[in-house]
Amino acid sequence: QVQLVESGGGLVQAGGSLRLSCAASRSIFSISAMGWYRQAPGKQRDFVAQITTRGSTNYADSVKGRFTISRDNAKNTVYLQMNSLKPEDTAVYYCHATLVGAWGQGTQVTVSS
């Protein structure tokens, strides 16, 4: 099994930036795709971004051009750089390891207008 721990969330004004981190307990990026999801109160958990084992990325249309997913294999850490944040980006953000279906505990992102 793998444990995932997110960090970097917080309160930011619209138009600002945040960088989320997801630290994995072991080296898994060569065998498992990694993704970011988010969930607002009363809403379903939605896909945000994914990076495959080969390094290919894909994004939800709502964040394309504003968010960037990346990873540091040496640190077993995946990142989500969020720029030009909007109030509708407010949610708890979760890191996900596809191969084993592992989730982090989530980190709160709040964007004020």
Protein backbone atom coordinates (compact mmCIF):
# COMPACT_ATOMS: atom_id res chain seq x y z
CA GLN A 1 0.00 0.00 0.00
CA VAL A 2 0.95 3.65 -0.38
CA GLN A 3 0.07 6.60 1.81
CA LEU A 4 -0.49 10.05 0.32
CA VAL A 5 -0.28 13.34 2.22
CA GLU A 6 -1.42 16.61 0.63
CA SER A 7 -0.27 20.05 1.70
CA GLY A 8 -0.19 23.61 0.42
CA GLY A 9 -3.84 24.55 0.59
CA GLY A 10 -5.03 27.81 2.05
CA LEU A 11 -6.92 31.03 1.50
CA VAL A 12 -6.10 33.10 -1.56
CA GLN A 13 -7.72 35.99 -3.41
CA ALA A 14 -9.14 35.55 -6.89
CA GLY A 15 -6.37 35.77 -9.45
CA GLY A 16 -3.80 34.44 -7.03
CA SER A 17 -1.80 31.22 -7.04
CA LEU A 18 -1.23 28.18 -4.86
CA ARG A 19 1.01 25.14 -5.22
CA LEU A 20 -0.30 21.89 -3.77
CA SER A 21 2.01 19.01 -2.90
CA CYS A 22 1.27 15.31 -2.53
CA ALA A 23 3.96 13.24 -0.83
CA ALA A 24 3.85 9.49 -1.41
CA SER A 25 5.25 7.06 1.15
CA ARG A 26 7.14 5.10 -1.48
CA SER A 27 8.30 5.35 -5.07
CA ILE A 28 5.29 4.57 -7.25
CA PHE A 29 5.28 7.06 -10.11
CA SER A 30 6.85 4.60 -12.54
CA ILE A 31 4.01 2.13 -12.05
CA SER A 32 1.00 4.30 -11.17
CA ALA A 33 -0.63 7.30 -12.72
CA MET A 34 -1.28 10.12 -10.26
CA GLY A 35 -4.19 12.49 -10.21
CA TRP A 36 -5.74 15.44 -8.45
CA TYR A 37 -9.46 15.63 -7.70
CA ARG A 38 -11.56 18.19 -5.88
CA GLN A 39 -14.82 18.23 -3.98
CA ALA A 40 -16.88 21.25 -2.97
CA PRO A 41 -19.57 21.02 -0.25
CA GLY A 42 -22.64 19.23 -1.56
CA LYS A 43 -20.89 18.33 -4.82
CA GLN A 44 -19.37 15.15 -6.21
CA ARG A 45 -15.64 14.60 -6.31
CA ASP A 46 -14.46 15.78 -9.72
CA PHE A 47 -11.36 15.06 -11.76
CA VAL A 48 -8.90 17.96 -12.03
CA ALA A 49 -5.61 16.71 -13.47
CA GLN A 50 -3.64 13.53 -14.14
CA ILE A 51 -0.05 12.62 -14.92
CA THR A 52 0.62 9.17 -16.35
CA THR A 53 3.60 6.89 -15.75
CA ARG A 54 5.07 8.19 -19.01
CA GLY A 55 4.68 11.81 -17.92
CA SER A 56 1.74 12.69 -20.14
CA THR A 57 -0.77 15.08 -18.58
CA ASN A 58 -4.43 15.84 -19.00
CA TYR A 59 -6.79 18.31 -17.35
CA ALA A 60 -10.41 19.08 -16.77
CA ASP A 61 -11.65 21.76 -19.15
CA SER A 62 -12.40 24.05 -16.22
CA VAL A 63 -8.73 24.26 -15.21
CA LYS A 64 -6.95 23.84 -18.55
CA GLY A 65 -4.44 26.62 -19.11
CA ARG A 66 -4.45 27.61 -15.43
CA PHE A 67 -3.33 24.46 -13.56
CA THR A 68 -0.21 22.36 -14.11
CA ILE A 69 0.44 18.90 -12.68
CA SER A 70 4.05 17.76 -12.29
CA ARG A 71 6.13 15.35 -10.24
CA ASP A 72 9.54 14.99 -8.63
CA ASN A 73 10.45 11.31 -8.71
CA ALA A 74 13.38 11.71 -6.31
CA LYS A 75 11.08 13.22 -3.69
CA ASN A 76 8.10 10.92 -4.37
CA THR A 77 6.01 14.07 -4.67
CA VAL A 78 3.43 15.23 -7.18
CA TYR A 79 2.45 18.89 -7.45
CA LEU A 80 -0.47 20.93 -8.66
CA GLN A 81 0.44 24.50 -9.57
CA MET A 82 -2.75 26.57 -9.60
CA ASN A 83 -2.69 30.01 -11.20
CA SER A 84 -5.39 32.57 -11.93
CA LEU A 85 -7.56 31.06 -9.23
CA LYS A 86 -11.30 31.67 -9.28
CA PRO A 87 -13.89 31.42 -6.49
CA GLU A 88 -15.33 28.36 -8.23
CA ASP A 89 -12.01 26.59 -7.61
CA THR A 90 -12.85 26.52 -3.89
CA ALA A 91 -12.89 22.89 -2.75
CA VAL A 92 -11.02 20.21 -0.86
CA TYR A 93 -8.31 18.90 -3.16
CA TYR A 94 -7.34 15.22 -3.03
CA CYS A 95 -4.34 13.37 -4.41
CA HIS A 96 -5.00 9.94 -5.97
CA ALA A 97 -2.78 7.00 -6.89
CA THR A 98 -4.60 5.14 -9.64
CA LEU A 99 -2.93 1.73 -9.44
CA VAL A 100 -3.86 1.02 -5.82
CA GLY A 101 -6.82 3.38 -5.50
CA ALA A 102 -5.18 5.32 -2.67
CA TRP A 103 -6.36 8.78 -1.62
CA GLY A 104 -4.80 11.46 0.52
CA GLN A 105 -6.66 13.20 3.34
CA GLY A 106 -7.30 16.32 1.29
CA THR A 107 -6.25 19.94 1.59
CA GLN A 108 -8.64 22.89 1.63
CA VAL A 109 -8.36 25.56 -1.04
CA THR A 110 -10.50 28.66 -0.58
CA VAL A 111 -10.55 31.44 -3.19
CA SER A 112 -12.17 34.71 -2.18
CA SER A 113 -13.74 37.12 -4.65
